[in-house]
C-alpha cells in the first residue's frame, strides 16, 4: 500500500464526493480515480478493496467535520448556558451546509452498512465513539442538561440535518434559530 498521505487524503475526499453524488453503488476504485483526477489504478494502490476504502472514508469524514480548534475555543469562551448550546447547534448546521457532501456520504454509508455486516460493525463503533465524544464534550464543558438530554439533542439535530440535506423545503417555513432554540430549551433542562 502506498504511503503518500496527501494523495490518500485526496482519494478519500474524492470517494466522499462520489458517494454524495452517485451513492454507494457508484463508488468504485475507478470512480475514485476519475474524481481525484489521477491515473486509473491509483486508488487500488492505496486501498486493498472497496471495503477498506469505505472504512477509511469514515475517518476522513471525522477530520472534515471536526470544528477548527481556534474557532471552537472562541465559541467556548461564552458562559456555559442554553445560549451557548444554541450557538454550537447553529454552527453545526453551518458546518453541515459547508460540508454537504460529507454528510450525504455519511448517509450513504449508513445505508450501505445495512447491507454489509463488516461495515455495520465499523460504523456502529465509529458512531458510538462520536456520540460519546459529543456527550463527554458537553458534560465536561458544564453545559446544561445531562447525558440523556444530550443524546436526545443529538437525535433531534440528526433529524433536522437529514431533512435540511434531503428536503430543505420541508423546513423552510420554520425559522432555523427558533427550531434550534426550542430543541435546546426543551431537551436540556437547567440543573
Protein backbone atom coordinates (compact mmCIF):
# COMPACT_ATOMS: atom_id res chain seq x y z
CA UNK A 1 0.00 0.00 0.00
CA UNK A 2 1.18 3.49 -0.84
CA UNK A 3 2.00 5.90 1.97
CA UNK A 4 1.70 9.38 0.40
CA UNK A 5 -0.64 11.00 2.98
CA UNK A 6 -1.67 13.89 0.72
CA UNK A 7 -2.59 11.51 -2.12
CA UNK A 8 -4.52 9.23 0.29
CA UNK A 9 -6.45 12.24 1.60
CA UNK A 10 -7.24 13.39 -1.95
CA UNK A 11 -8.53 9.92 -2.80
CA UNK A 12 -10.68 9.81 0.34
CA UNK A 13 -12.09 13.25 -0.47
CA UNK A 14 -12.83 12.03 -3.99
CA UNK A 15 -14.60 8.96 -2.53
CA UNK A 16 -16.74 11.26 -0.38
CA UNK A 17 -17.73 13.27 -3.45
CA UNK A 18 -18.59 10.11 -5.41
CA UNK A 19 -20.66 8.74 -2.51
CA UNK A 20 -22.52 12.03 -2.16
CA UNK A 21 -23.22 12.38 -5.87
CA UNK A 22 -23.61 8.78 -7.09
CA UNK A 23 -24.48 6.83 -3.95
CA UNK A 24 -22.75 3.70 -2.75
CA UNK A 25 -23.47 1.81 -5.96
CA UNK A 26 -21.44 4.37 -7.88
CA UNK A 27 -18.45 4.10 -5.58
CA UNK A 28 -15.75 2.09 -7.27
CA UNK A 29 -11.99 2.45 -7.09
CA UNK A 30 -12.06 3.53 -10.73
CA UNK A 31 -14.70 6.19 -9.98
CA UNK A 32 -12.48 7.49 -7.18
CA UNK A 33 -9.53 7.68 -9.59
CA UNK A 34 -11.64 9.64 -12.07
CA UNK A 35 -12.97 12.04 -9.41
CA UNK A 36 -9.48 12.62 -8.00
CA UNK A 37 -8.06 13.17 -11.49
CA UNK A 38 -5.36 10.52 -11.05
CA UNK A 39 -4.32 7.65 -13.31
CA UNK A 40 -6.54 4.58 -13.33
CA UNK A 41 -5.37 2.12 -10.70
CA UNK A 42 -4.11 4.73 -8.25
CA UNK A 43 -6.84 4.09 -5.67
CA UNK A 44 -6.14 0.35 -5.78
CA UNK A 45 -2.55 1.16 -4.77
CA UNK A 46 -3.87 2.82 -1.60
CA UNK A 47 -6.86 0.64 -0.73
CA UNK A 48 -6.85 -3.14 -0.97
CA UNK A 49 -10.56 -3.14 -1.83
CA UNK A 50 -13.77 -1.16 -1.68
CA UNK A 51 -14.48 -2.28 1.91
CA UNK A 52 -11.17 -0.85 3.10
CA UNK A 53 -11.90 2.38 1.24
CA UNK A 54 -15.32 2.66 2.92
CA UNK A 55 -13.77 2.14 6.34
CA UNK A 56 -11.20 4.86 5.77
CA UNK A 57 -13.83 7.26 4.47
CA UNK A 58 -15.34 7.19 7.97
CA UNK A 59 -12.14 8.55 9.45
CA UNK A 60 -11.87 11.24 6.81
CA UNK A 61 -15.42 12.42 7.48
CA UNK A 62 -14.45 12.94 11.12
CA UNK A 63 -11.46 15.02 10.07
CA UNK A 64 -13.53 17.19 7.74
CA UNK A 65 -16.36 17.73 10.20
CA UNK A 66 -14.26 18.50 13.27
CA UNK A 67 -14.52 22.21 14.05
CA UNK A 68 -11.40 24.34 13.85
CA UNK A 69 -9.87 24.36 17.37
CA UNK A 70 -9.32 28.14 17.34
CA UNK A 71 -12.94 28.77 16.32
CA UNK A 72 -14.16 26.34 18.96
CA UNK A 73 -12.03 27.98 21.68
CA UNK A 74 -13.51 31.35 20.76
CA UNK A 75 -17.05 29.98 20.90
CA UNK A 76 -16.44 28.18 24.19
CA UNK A 77 -15.33 31.44 25.86
CA UNK A 78 -19.02 32.22 26.37
CA UNK A 79 -20.85 31.20 29.56
CA UNK A 80 -21.96 27.52 29.54
CA UNK A 81 -25.67 28.12 29.16
CA UNK A 82 -28.53 27.48 26.74
CA UNK A 83 -27.38 30.37 24.53
CA UNK A 84 -24.01 28.70 24.04
CA UNK A 85 -25.64 25.37 23.17
CA UNK A 86 -27.85 27.16 20.62
CA UNK A 87 -24.72 28.75 19.13
CA UNK A 88 -22.99 25.35 18.95
CA UNK A 89 -26.02 23.81 17.20
CA UNK A 90 -26.21 26.68 14.69
CA UNK A 91 -22.50 26.22 13.99
CA UNK A 92 -23.13 22.50 13.47
CA UNK A 93 -25.77 23.28 10.84
CA UNK A 94 -23.43 25.80 9.19
CA UNK A 95 -20.66 23.16 9.00
CA UNK A 96 -23.15 20.66 7.59
CA UNK A 97 -24.14 23.11 4.88
CA UNK A 98 -20.48 23.88 4.06
CA UNK A 99 -19.59 20.18 4.04
CA UNK A 100 -22.83 18.95 2.50
CA UNK A 101 -21.17 16.17 0.52
CA UNK A 102 -19.58 14.74 3.69
CA UNK A 103 -22.98 14.44 5.36
CA UNK A 104 -24.56 12.93 2.26
CA UNK A 105 -21.68 10.45 2.07
CA UNK A 106 -22.32 9.52 5.71
CA UNK A 107 -25.98 8.88 4.91
CA UNK A 108 -24.88 6.62 2.06
CA UNK A 109 -22.51 4.78 4.40
CA UNK A 110 -25.34 4.27 6.89
CA UNK A 111 -27.49 2.75 4.17
CA UNK A 112 -24.62 0.62 2.86
CA UNK A 113 -23.97 -0.64 6.41
CA UNK A 114 -27.46 -2.16 6.49
CA UNK A 115 -26.32 -4.50 3.70
CA UNK A 116 -22.71 -5.13 4.73
CA UNK A 117 -22.14 -6.59 8.21
CA UNK A 118 -18.43 -5.68 8.24
CA UNK A 119 -19.24 -2.02 7.51
CA UNK A 120 -22.10 -2.12 10.02
CA UNK A 121 -19.70 -3.18 12.76
CA UNK A 122 -17.23 -0.44 11.87
CA UNK A 123 -19.95 2.22 11.51
CA UNK A 124 -21.53 1.22 14.83
CA UNK A 125 -18.15 1.57 16.58
CA UNK A 126 -17.42 4.86 14.83
CA UNK A 127 -20.87 6.30 15.62
CA UNK A 128 -20.71 5.21 19.26
CA UNK A 129 -17.31 6.91 19.62
CA UNK A 130 -18.64 10.09 18.02
CA UNK A 131 -21.74 10.18 20.20
CA UNK A 132 -19.75 9.51 23.38
CA UNK A 133 -17.25 12.20 22.40
CA UNK A 134 -20.09 14.70 21.91
CA UNK A 135 -21.69 13.77 25.24
CA UNK A 136 -18.35 13.99 27.06
CA UNK A 137 -17.59 17.38 25.46
CA UNK A 138 -20.99 18.72 26.52
CA UNK A 139 -20.77 17.46 30.09
CA UNK A 140 -17.10 18.44 30.55
CA UNK A 141 -17.92 21.96 29.35
CA UNK A 142 -20.57 22.27 32.07
CA UNK A 143 -23.34 22.88 29.55
CA UNK A 144 -26.95 22.44 30.72
CA UNK A 145 -28.66 19.05 30.58
CA UNK A 146 -27.43 15.59 31.40
CA UNK A 147 -26.35 12.62 29.32
CA UNK A 148 -29.88 11.69 28.22
CA UNK A 149 -30.65 15.27 27.20
CA UNK A 150 -27.50 15.43 25.09
CA UNK A 151 -28.40 12.15 23.36
CA UNK A 152 -31.91 13.46 22.69
CA UNK A 153 -30.47 16.69 21.29
CA UNK A 154 -28.13 14.63 19.08
CA UNK A 155 -31.09 12.65 17.73
CA UNK A 156 -33.18 15.79 17.15
CA UNK A 157 -30.32 17.57 15.40
CA UNK A 158 -29.64 14.50 13.26
CA UNK A 159 -33.25 14.60 12.07
CA UNK A 160 -33.02 18.32 11.37
CA UNK A 161 -29.77 17.84 9.45
CA UNK A 162 -31.13 14.95 7.38
CA UNK A 163 -34.20 16.96 6.41
CA UNK A 164 -32.10 20.04 5.65
CA UNK A 165 -29.86 17.92 3.42
CA UNK A 166 -32.54 15.97 1.61
CA UNK A 167 -35.77 18.00 1.63
CA UNK A 168 -34.84 21.53 2.73
CA UNK A 169 -38.15 22.96 1.56
CA UNK A 170 -39.83 20.96 4.34
CA UNK A 171 -38.15 23.12 6.98
CA UNK A 172 -38.25 26.40 5.02
CA UNK A 173 -41.43 27.67 6.75
CA UNK A 174 -39.81 27.22 10.17
CA UNK A 175 -37.08 29.62 11.30
CA UNK A 176 -33.95 27.57 11.99
CA UNK A 177 -32.97 29.60 15.06
CA UNK A 178 -36.39 29.07 16.57
CA UNK A 179 -36.30 25.31 15.95
CA UNK A 180 -32.84 25.01 17.47
CA UNK A 181 -33.74 27.22 20.42
CA UNK A 182 -36.85 25.20 21.21
CA UNK A 183 -34.95 21.90 20.94
CA UNK A 184 -32.22 23.13 23.27
CA UNK A 185 -34.61 24.60 25.83
CA UNK A 186 -36.90 21.56 25.91
CA UNK A 187 -34.30 18.82 25.77
CA UNK A 188 -31.69 20.33 28.09
CA UNK A 189 -33.33 21.44 31.32
CA UNK A 190 -31.31 23.53 33.75
CA UNK A 191 -29.63 21.55 36.51
